[in-house]
């Protein structure tokens, strides 16, 4: 596991926690969708780097 993939996965999980927290607080749906998309992209990039498919 490389350093960048670790950082991507940690950031993705952090953003996923933000999605959960913002949805519990009743934040606007646009913010929640934006955070969910960013979280998914970070997690996907981290996993693809670990698998050796990307980078």
C-alpha atoms as a PDB file:
ATOM      1  CA  UNK A   1       0.000   0.000   0.000  1.00  0.00           C
ATOM      2  CA  UNK A   2       1.454   3.309  -1.012  1.00  0.00           C
ATOM      3  CA  UNK A   3       1.212   6.560   0.876  1.00  0.00           C
ATOM      4  CA  UNK A   4      -1.068   8.215  -1.668  1.00  0.00           C
ATOM      5  CA  UNK A   5      -3.579   5.377  -1.670  1.00  0.00           C
ATOM      6  CA  UNK A   6      -3.674   5.480   2.132  1.00  0.00           C
ATOM      7  CA  UNK A   7      -4.330   9.215   2.077  1.00  0.00           C
ATOM      8  CA  UNK A   8      -7.066   8.819  -0.547  1.00  0.00           C
ATOM      9  CA  UNK A   9      -8.828   6.144   1.479  1.00  0.00           C
ATOM     10  CA  UNK A  10      -8.580   8.137   4.720  1.00  0.00           C
ATOM     11  CA  UNK A  11      -9.926  11.285   3.030  1.00  0.00           C
ATOM     12  CA  UNK A  12     -12.721   9.238   1.450  1.00  0.00           C
ATOM     13  CA  UNK A  13     -13.738   7.802   4.810  1.00  0.00           C
ATOM     14  CA  UNK A  14     -13.556  11.262   6.388  1.00  0.00           C
ATOM     15  CA  UNK A  15     -15.859  12.641   3.694  1.00  0.00           C
ATOM     16  CA  UNK A  16     -18.213   9.677   4.155  1.00  0.00           C
ATOM     17  CA  UNK A  17     -18.448  10.583   7.837  1.00  0.00           C
ATOM     18  CA  UNK A  18     -19.251  14.131   6.793  1.00  0.00           C
ATOM     19  CA  UNK A  19     -22.051  12.871   4.573  1.00  0.00           C
ATOM     20  CA  UNK A  20     -23.542  10.957   7.492  1.00  0.00           C
ATOM     21  CA  UNK A  21     -23.190  13.914   9.850  1.00  0.00           C
ATOM     22  CA  UNK A  22     -24.625  16.436   7.390  1.00  0.00           C
ATOM     23  CA  UNK A  23     -27.590  14.204   6.611  1.00  0.00           C
ATOM     24  CA  UNK A  24     -28.355  13.902  10.339  1.00  0.00           C
ATOM     25  CA  UNK A  25     -28.204  17.716  10.665  1.00  0.00           C
ATOM     26  CA  UNK A  26     -30.573  18.285   7.761  1.00  0.00           C
ATOM     27  CA  UNK A  27     -28.118  20.114   5.514  1.00  0.00           C
ATOM     28  CA  UNK A  28     -29.129  20.912   1.905  1.00  0.00           C
ATOM     29  CA  UNK A  29     -29.225  17.916  -0.423  1.00  0.00           C
ATOM     30  CA  UNK A  30     -26.747  19.539  -2.842  1.00  0.00           C
ATOM     31  CA  UNK A  31     -24.022  19.603  -0.181  1.00  0.00           C
ATOM     32  CA  UNK A  32     -24.683  15.995   0.763  1.00  0.00           C
ATOM     33  CA  UNK A  33     -24.578  14.842  -2.870  1.00  0.00           C
ATOM     34  CA  UNK A  34     -21.341  16.764  -3.476  1.00  0.00           C
ATOM     35  CA  UNK A  35     -19.667  15.209  -0.426  1.00  0.00           C
ATOM     36  CA  UNK A  36     -20.934  11.745  -1.321  1.00  0.00           C
ATOM     37  CA  UNK A  37     -19.493  12.049  -4.833  1.00  0.00           C
ATOM     38  CA  UNK A  38     -16.148  13.274  -3.529  1.00  0.00           C
ATOM     39  CA  UNK A  39     -16.049  10.473  -0.976  1.00  0.00           C
ATOM     40  CA  UNK A  40     -16.804   7.843  -3.610  1.00  0.00           C
ATOM     41  CA  UNK A  41     -14.125   9.178  -5.977  1.00  0.00           C
ATOM     42  CA  UNK A  42     -11.462   9.249  -3.254  1.00  0.00           C
ATOM     43  CA  UNK A  43     -12.271   5.724  -2.096  1.00  0.00           C
ATOM     44  CA  UNK A  44     -12.359   4.409  -5.659  1.00  0.00           C
ATOM     45  CA  UNK A  45      -9.035   6.028  -6.537  1.00  0.00           C
ATOM     46  CA  UNK A  46      -7.414   4.631  -3.389  1.00  0.00           C
ATOM     47  CA  UNK A  47      -8.662   1.110  -4.064  1.00  0.00           C
ATOM     48  CA  UNK A  48      -7.627   1.253  -7.717  1.00  0.00           C
ATOM     49  CA  UNK A  49      -4.128   2.357  -6.694  1.00  0.00           C
ATOM     50  CA  UNK A  50      -3.870  -0.537  -4.230  1.00  0.00           C
ATOM     51  CA  UNK A  51      -4.940  -3.004  -6.916  1.00  0.00           C
ATOM     52  CA  UNK A  52      -2.367  -1.570  -9.318  1.00  0.00           C
ATOM     53  CA  UNK A  53      -4.970  -0.684 -11.938  1.00  0.00           C
ATOM     54  CA  UNK A  54      -4.364   3.063 -11.768  1.00  0.00           C
ATOM     55  CA  UNK A  55      -1.038   4.785 -11.192  1.00  0.00           C
END
